[in-house]
Each structure stands twice: as C-alpha cells, then as structure tokens.
N, C-alpha and C. Protein backbone atom coordinates (compact mmCIF):
# COMPACT_ATOMS: atom_id res chain seq x y z
N MET A 1 128.19 57.45 109.60
CA MET A 1 126.79 57.49 110.24
C MET A 1 126.32 58.89 110.09
N THR A 2 125.14 59.17 109.75
CA THR A 2 124.28 60.12 109.33
C THR A 2 123.52 60.91 111.06
N LEU A 3 123.92 62.18 111.02
CA LEU A 3 123.12 62.66 111.83
C LEU A 3 121.56 63.44 111.72
N ARG A 4 120.91 63.45 112.48
CA ARG A 4 119.64 63.94 112.10
C ARG A 4 119.60 64.65 113.02
N ARG A 5 118.91 66.52 112.89
CA ARG A 5 118.97 67.10 113.96
C ARG A 5 117.01 67.06 114.30
N HIS A 6 117.07 67.17 115.34
CA HIS A 6 115.16 66.98 115.87
C HIS A 6 114.56 68.04 116.18
N HIS A 7 113.30 68.01 115.34
CA HIS A 7 113.06 69.55 115.44
C HIS A 7 111.60 68.86 116.07
N PRO A 8 111.36 69.78 116.93
CA PRO A 8 109.74 69.47 117.87
C PRO A 8 108.83 70.01 116.92
N ARG A 9 107.89 69.32 116.50
CA ARG A 9 106.29 69.94 115.93
C ARG A 9 105.93 70.91 117.35
N PRO A 10 105.20 72.18 116.81
CA PRO A 10 104.42 72.97 117.69
C PRO A 10 103.58 72.70 118.42
N GLY A 11 103.44 72.85 119.68
CA GLY A 11 102.62 72.34 120.84
C GLY A 11 103.27 71.00 121.24
N ARG A 12 104.59 70.47 120.68
CA ARG A 12 104.52 69.62 121.45
C ARG A 12 105.38 69.02 123.20
N SER A 13 105.80 70.49 123.18
CA SER A 13 106.39 70.57 124.35
C SER A 13 106.09 69.93 125.43
N PRO A 14 106.39 69.26 126.55
CA PRO A 14 106.08 68.52 127.71
C PRO A 14 105.10 69.68 128.63
N ASN A 15 105.66 70.64 128.67
CA ASN A 15 104.60 72.13 129.31
C ASN A 15 103.91 73.01 128.66
N SER A 16 103.82 71.82 127.62
CA SER A 16 102.67 73.28 126.53
C SER A 16 101.14 72.88 127.12
N PRO A 17 100.08 73.99 127.29
CA PRO A 17 98.50 73.44 127.70
C PRO A 17 98.21 71.67 126.91
N GLU A 18 99.07 71.96 125.48
CA GLU A 18 98.37 71.27 125.00
C GLU A 18 98.92 69.55 125.64
N ALA A 19 99.81 69.50 125.79
CA ALA A 19 100.35 68.60 126.43
C ALA A 19 99.82 68.32 127.82
N ALA A 20 99.10 69.55 128.64
CA ALA A 20 98.41 68.91 129.72
C ALA A 20 97.15 68.70 129.41
N LEU A 21 96.34 68.90 128.33
CA LEU A 21 95.14 68.51 128.20
C LEU A 21 95.21 67.03 127.31
N ARG A 22 96.30 66.86 127.10
CA ARG A 22 96.36 64.93 126.52
C ARG A 22 96.83 64.35 127.91
N ALA A 23 97.36 64.70 129.00
CA ALA A 23 97.44 64.36 130.06
C ALA A 23 96.11 64.34 130.85
N GLY A 24 95.38 64.95 130.23
CA GLY A 24 94.04 65.06 131.29
C GLY A 24 93.49 65.98 131.94
N THR A 25 94.69 66.96 132.62
CA THR A 25 94.72 67.68 133.35
C THR A 25 94.65 68.86 132.17
N ARG A 26 94.03 70.10 133.60
CA ARG A 26 93.66 71.15 132.90
C ARG A 26 94.91 72.15 133.42
N PRO A 27 95.76 73.37 132.68
CA PRO A 27 96.46 73.98 132.83
C PRO A 27 95.82 75.07 134.00
N LEU A 28 96.42 75.72 134.72
CA LEU A 28 95.87 76.81 135.71
C LEU A 28 96.35 78.02 135.14
N LEU A 29 95.55 79.07 134.01
CA LEU A 29 96.43 80.34 133.39
C LEU A 29 95.89 81.25 134.27
N HIS A 30 95.17 81.17 135.66
CA HIS A 30 95.67 82.58 136.14
C HIS A 30 96.70 82.31 137.00
N THR A 31 97.18 81.13 137.26
CA THR A 31 98.81 80.98 137.97
C THR A 31 99.92 80.36 137.37
N GLY A 32 99.77 80.79 135.97
CA GLY A 32 101.08 80.34 135.04
C GLY A 32 102.07 81.01 135.29
N ARG A 33 102.32 81.94 136.15
CA ARG A 33 102.92 82.62 135.71
C ARG A 33 103.94 83.12 137.86
N VAL A 34 103.05 82.82 138.29
CA VAL A 34 103.65 82.24 139.92
C VAL A 34 104.52 81.25 139.73
N PRO A 35 105.59 81.61 140.58
CA PRO A 35 106.58 80.92 140.66
C PRO A 35 106.66 79.52 141.44
N ALA A 36 107.18 78.60 140.93
CA ALA A 36 106.71 77.16 141.44
C ALA A 36 107.24 76.97 142.98
N THR A 37 106.39 76.42 143.78
CA THR A 37 106.94 76.03 145.15
C THR A 37 106.35 74.49 145.65
N SER A 38 106.79 74.27 146.53
CA SER A 38 106.94 72.91 147.26
C SER A 38 105.21 72.30 147.49
N THR A 39 104.39 73.78 147.84
CA THR A 39 103.02 73.74 148.83
C THR A 39 101.99 74.46 147.29
N ASP A 40 101.03 74.29 147.48
CA ASP A 40 99.90 74.96 146.34
C ASP A 40 99.03 75.64 147.42
N ARG A 41 99.43 76.72 148.68
CA ARG A 41 99.01 77.14 149.08
C ARG A 41 99.40 78.57 149.13
N ARG A 42 98.31 79.06 148.79
CA ARG A 42 97.94 80.21 148.64
C ARG A 42 97.14 81.58 148.92
N GLN A 43 97.56 82.38 149.42
CA GLN A 43 96.93 83.28 150.60
C GLN A 43 97.18 85.08 149.85
N ARG A 44 95.80 85.17 149.74
CA ARG A 44 95.83 86.66 149.05
C ARG A 44 95.74 87.88 150.50
N LEU A 45 96.05 88.87 150.09
CA LEU A 45 96.49 89.94 151.04
C LEU A 45 96.25 91.41 150.11
N GLU A 46 96.24 92.57 151.35
CA GLU A 46 95.18 93.91 150.20
C GLU A 46 96.36 94.57 150.96
N ILE A 47 97.21 95.30 150.43
CA ILE A 47 98.21 96.63 151.33
C ILE A 47 97.71 98.00 150.40
N ASP A 48 97.35 98.36 151.03
CA ASP A 48 96.82 100.17 150.68
C ASP A 48 96.39 100.29 149.34
N GLY A 49 95.60 98.90 149.51
CA GLY A 49 94.15 98.47 148.16
C GLY A 49 94.54 98.22 147.03
N LYS A 50 96.20 97.50 147.02
CA LYS A 50 96.86 96.89 145.76
C LYS A 50 96.27 95.54 146.30
N HIS A 51 96.46 94.42 145.72
CA HIS A 51 96.32 93.04 146.09
C HIS A 51 97.53 91.85 145.67
N PHE A 52 97.60 91.53 146.42
CA PHE A 52 99.03 90.76 146.75
C PHE A 52 98.73 89.12 146.73
N LEU A 53 99.39 88.18 146.26
CA LEU A 53 98.90 86.46 146.91
C LEU A 53 100.62 86.88 147.66
N PHE A 54 100.76 85.71 148.44
CA PHE A 54 101.95 84.89 148.85
C PHE A 54 101.66 83.66 149.62
N GLN A 55 102.95 83.04 148.67
CA GLN A 55 103.26 81.69 149.51
C GLN A 55 104.64 80.99 149.74
N HIS A 56 104.01 80.22 150.63
CA HIS A 56 105.83 79.59 151.23
C HIS A 56 106.15 78.55 149.95
N GLY A 57 107.18 78.79 150.07
CA GLY A 57 108.46 77.51 149.03
C GLY A 57 109.57 77.52 149.54
N TYR A 58 110.40 77.10 149.11
CA TYR A 58 111.65 76.81 149.04
C TYR A 58 112.96 77.24 147.77
N ARG A 59 114.36 78.13 147.87
CA ARG A 59 114.60 78.44 147.13
C ARG A 59 116.06 78.49 148.26
N PHE A 60 116.59 77.49 148.21
CA PHE A 60 118.06 77.55 148.87
C PHE A 60 117.65 77.86 150.21
N GLY A 61 116.66 77.11 150.68
CA GLY A 61 116.12 77.14 152.22
C GLY A 61 115.00 77.37 152.23
N LYS A 62 113.92 77.89 153.55
CA LYS A 62 112.76 78.45 152.96
C LYS A 62 112.52 79.61 152.96
N VAL A 63 111.69 80.42 151.91
CA VAL A 63 111.16 81.38 151.32
C VAL A 63 109.99 81.69 151.13
N THR A 64 109.39 82.93 151.39
CA THR A 64 108.04 83.47 150.93
C THR A 64 107.94 84.20 149.58
N TYR A 65 107.23 83.57 148.55
CA TYR A 65 107.40 84.13 147.40
C TYR A 65 106.07 85.47 147.83
N VAL A 66 105.97 86.89 147.19
CA VAL A 66 105.16 87.50 146.84
C VAL A 66 105.11 88.35 145.54
N THR A 67 103.63 88.19 145.06
CA THR A 67 103.19 88.52 143.64
C THR A 67 102.41 89.37 143.42
N ARG A 68 102.78 90.58 143.24
CA ARG A 68 101.79 91.57 142.96
C ARG A 68 100.44 91.18 141.99
N LEU A 69 99.75 91.61 141.85
CA LEU A 69 97.86 91.04 141.53
C LEU A 69 97.68 92.34 140.54
N PRO A 70 97.77 92.67 139.67
CA PRO A 70 97.39 91.44 138.49
C PRO A 70 98.45 91.12 137.80
N LEU A 71 98.37 89.45 137.41
CA LEU A 71 99.45 89.23 136.90
C LEU A 71 100.56 89.58 135.71
N ASP A 72 99.56 90.59 135.02
CA ASP A 72 100.69 91.07 133.96
C ASP A 72 101.47 92.13 134.34
N LYS A 73 101.51 92.45 135.57
CA LYS A 73 102.68 93.97 135.75
C LYS A 73 104.06 92.99 136.09
N SER A 74 103.55 91.32 136.17
CA SER A 74 105.08 90.71 136.60
C SER A 74 106.01 90.78 138.00
N MET A 75 105.37 91.42 139.12
CA MET A 75 105.91 91.93 140.04
C MET A 75 106.03 90.62 140.94
N THR A 76 107.23 89.90 141.15
CA THR A 76 107.31 88.80 142.26
C THR A 76 108.37 88.87 142.71
N VAL A 77 108.62 88.99 144.16
CA VAL A 77 109.94 88.86 144.71
C VAL A 77 109.87 87.59 145.66
N PHE A 78 111.11 87.63 146.52
CA PHE A 78 110.97 86.44 147.61
C PHE A 78 111.88 87.00 149.20
N ALA A 79 111.30 86.40 149.87
CA ALA A 79 111.89 86.95 151.14
C ALA A 79 112.09 85.75 152.01
N PRO A 80 113.69 85.67 152.79
CA PRO A 80 113.74 84.43 153.28
C PRO A 80 112.60 84.02 154.85
N GLY A 81 112.54 83.26 154.83
CA GLY A 81 111.70 82.23 155.37
C GLY A 81 110.23 82.24 155.42
N HIS A 82 109.74 81.22 156.05
CA HIS A 82 108.05 81.43 155.93
C HIS A 82 107.07 82.49 156.59
N LEU A 83 107.17 83.50 156.11
CA LEU A 83 106.65 84.49 156.58
C LEU A 83 104.90 84.23 156.84
N SER A 84 104.39 85.54 157.92
CA SER A 84 102.84 85.27 158.16
C SER A 84 102.46 86.75 157.26
N ALA A 85 100.85 87.15 156.78
CA ALA A 85 100.81 88.26 156.54
C ALA A 85 100.99 89.33 157.00
N SER A 86 101.42 89.66 158.35
CA SER A 86 101.94 91.32 158.59
C SER A 86 103.28 90.90 158.30
N GLU A 87 103.87 89.78 158.43
CA GLU A 87 105.30 90.01 157.67
C GLU A 87 105.40 90.23 156.03
N VAL A 88 104.56 89.52 155.41
CA VAL A 88 104.85 90.33 154.53
C VAL A 88 104.63 91.69 153.60
N GLU A 89 103.11 92.20 154.58
CA GLU A 89 103.47 93.61 154.53
C GLU A 89 104.20 94.13 154.90
N SER A 90 105.12 94.35 155.76
CA SER A 90 106.18 94.92 156.12
C SER A 90 107.26 94.54 155.55
N VAL A 91 107.98 93.39 154.61
CA VAL A 91 108.67 93.40 153.90
C VAL A 91 108.44 94.48 152.54
N VAL A 92 107.31 94.18 152.37
CA VAL A 92 106.51 95.00 151.35
C VAL A 92 106.92 96.73 151.28
N ARG A 93 106.55 96.90 152.88
CA ARG A 93 106.53 98.74 152.73
C ARG A 93 107.98 98.88 153.25
N GLY A 94 108.74 97.90 153.78
CA GLY A 94 110.04 98.40 153.82
C GLY A 94 110.66 98.14 153.02
N ASP A 95 111.17 97.29 152.51
CA ASP A 95 112.00 96.59 151.28
C ASP A 95 111.71 96.86 149.77
N ASN A 96 110.25 96.64 149.55
CA ASN A 96 110.06 96.55 147.86
C ASN A 96 108.82 97.49 147.77
N PRO A 97 108.99 98.99 148.39
CA PRO A 97 107.79 99.64 148.59
C PRO A 97 107.65 100.40 146.77
N TRP A 98 108.17 99.51 145.99
CA TRP A 98 107.85 99.88 144.21
C TRP A 98 106.93 99.14 143.74
N MET A 99 106.46 98.24 144.93
CA MET A 99 105.37 97.01 144.25
C MET A 99 104.05 97.63 144.79
N LEU A 100 104.30 98.87 145.31
CA LEU A 100 102.95 99.59 145.73
C LEU A 100 102.57 100.84 144.94
N ASP A 101 103.76 101.11 144.20
CA ASP A 101 103.19 101.97 143.27
C ASP A 101 102.23 101.88 142.15
C-alpha cells in the first residue's frame, strides 16, 4: 500500500477569504485579528485620545478583550470578568499603561 501526501492547493484553506467567498459570505477584513468571542458586540472607547475596542468573551471563564486601534499595532489583552467601559479604562491605565504609548 502506497501512502500519498496530501498537498492542499493555495487558497483552499477552510478559513481563507476565498473559502468565505465560495460560501457566499464576505470576510470582515477590519476584524480579522480581533480575538474570537461568543458575542459579536464590540464597543469603542477613547482613552487619552487613543482608540480601543472592547468585547466580552470566554477564555477559562468570563473575560473582556481590549484591543488598541489601529489593528496593525497588534495590541490585545484580556481581563477577567465582563467589564464596563469605566472598568476597561482603569484596567488599561492600571495594569497595561504600555497600551497608551
């Protein structure tokens, strides 16, 4: 019995933008690097003139993901619990001041 190696064709990944187009959906390019969560609700927040997105999700329990905009900076942290906007601001100022640089 001869075993063949499977070499997928480029663009055939089930998670590729091409696969999304074949399925009839459009990929959301501006949210591609935002962590996946159980809800699609994202809220914008401005702290010291810097823009952030925060969203609730689950990672070993309830968490809040906080992402600095623009996304090309790739700054995302998570804090335990589902936090309000004022609580997110205190987490950024207290535990993660480097996100304000």
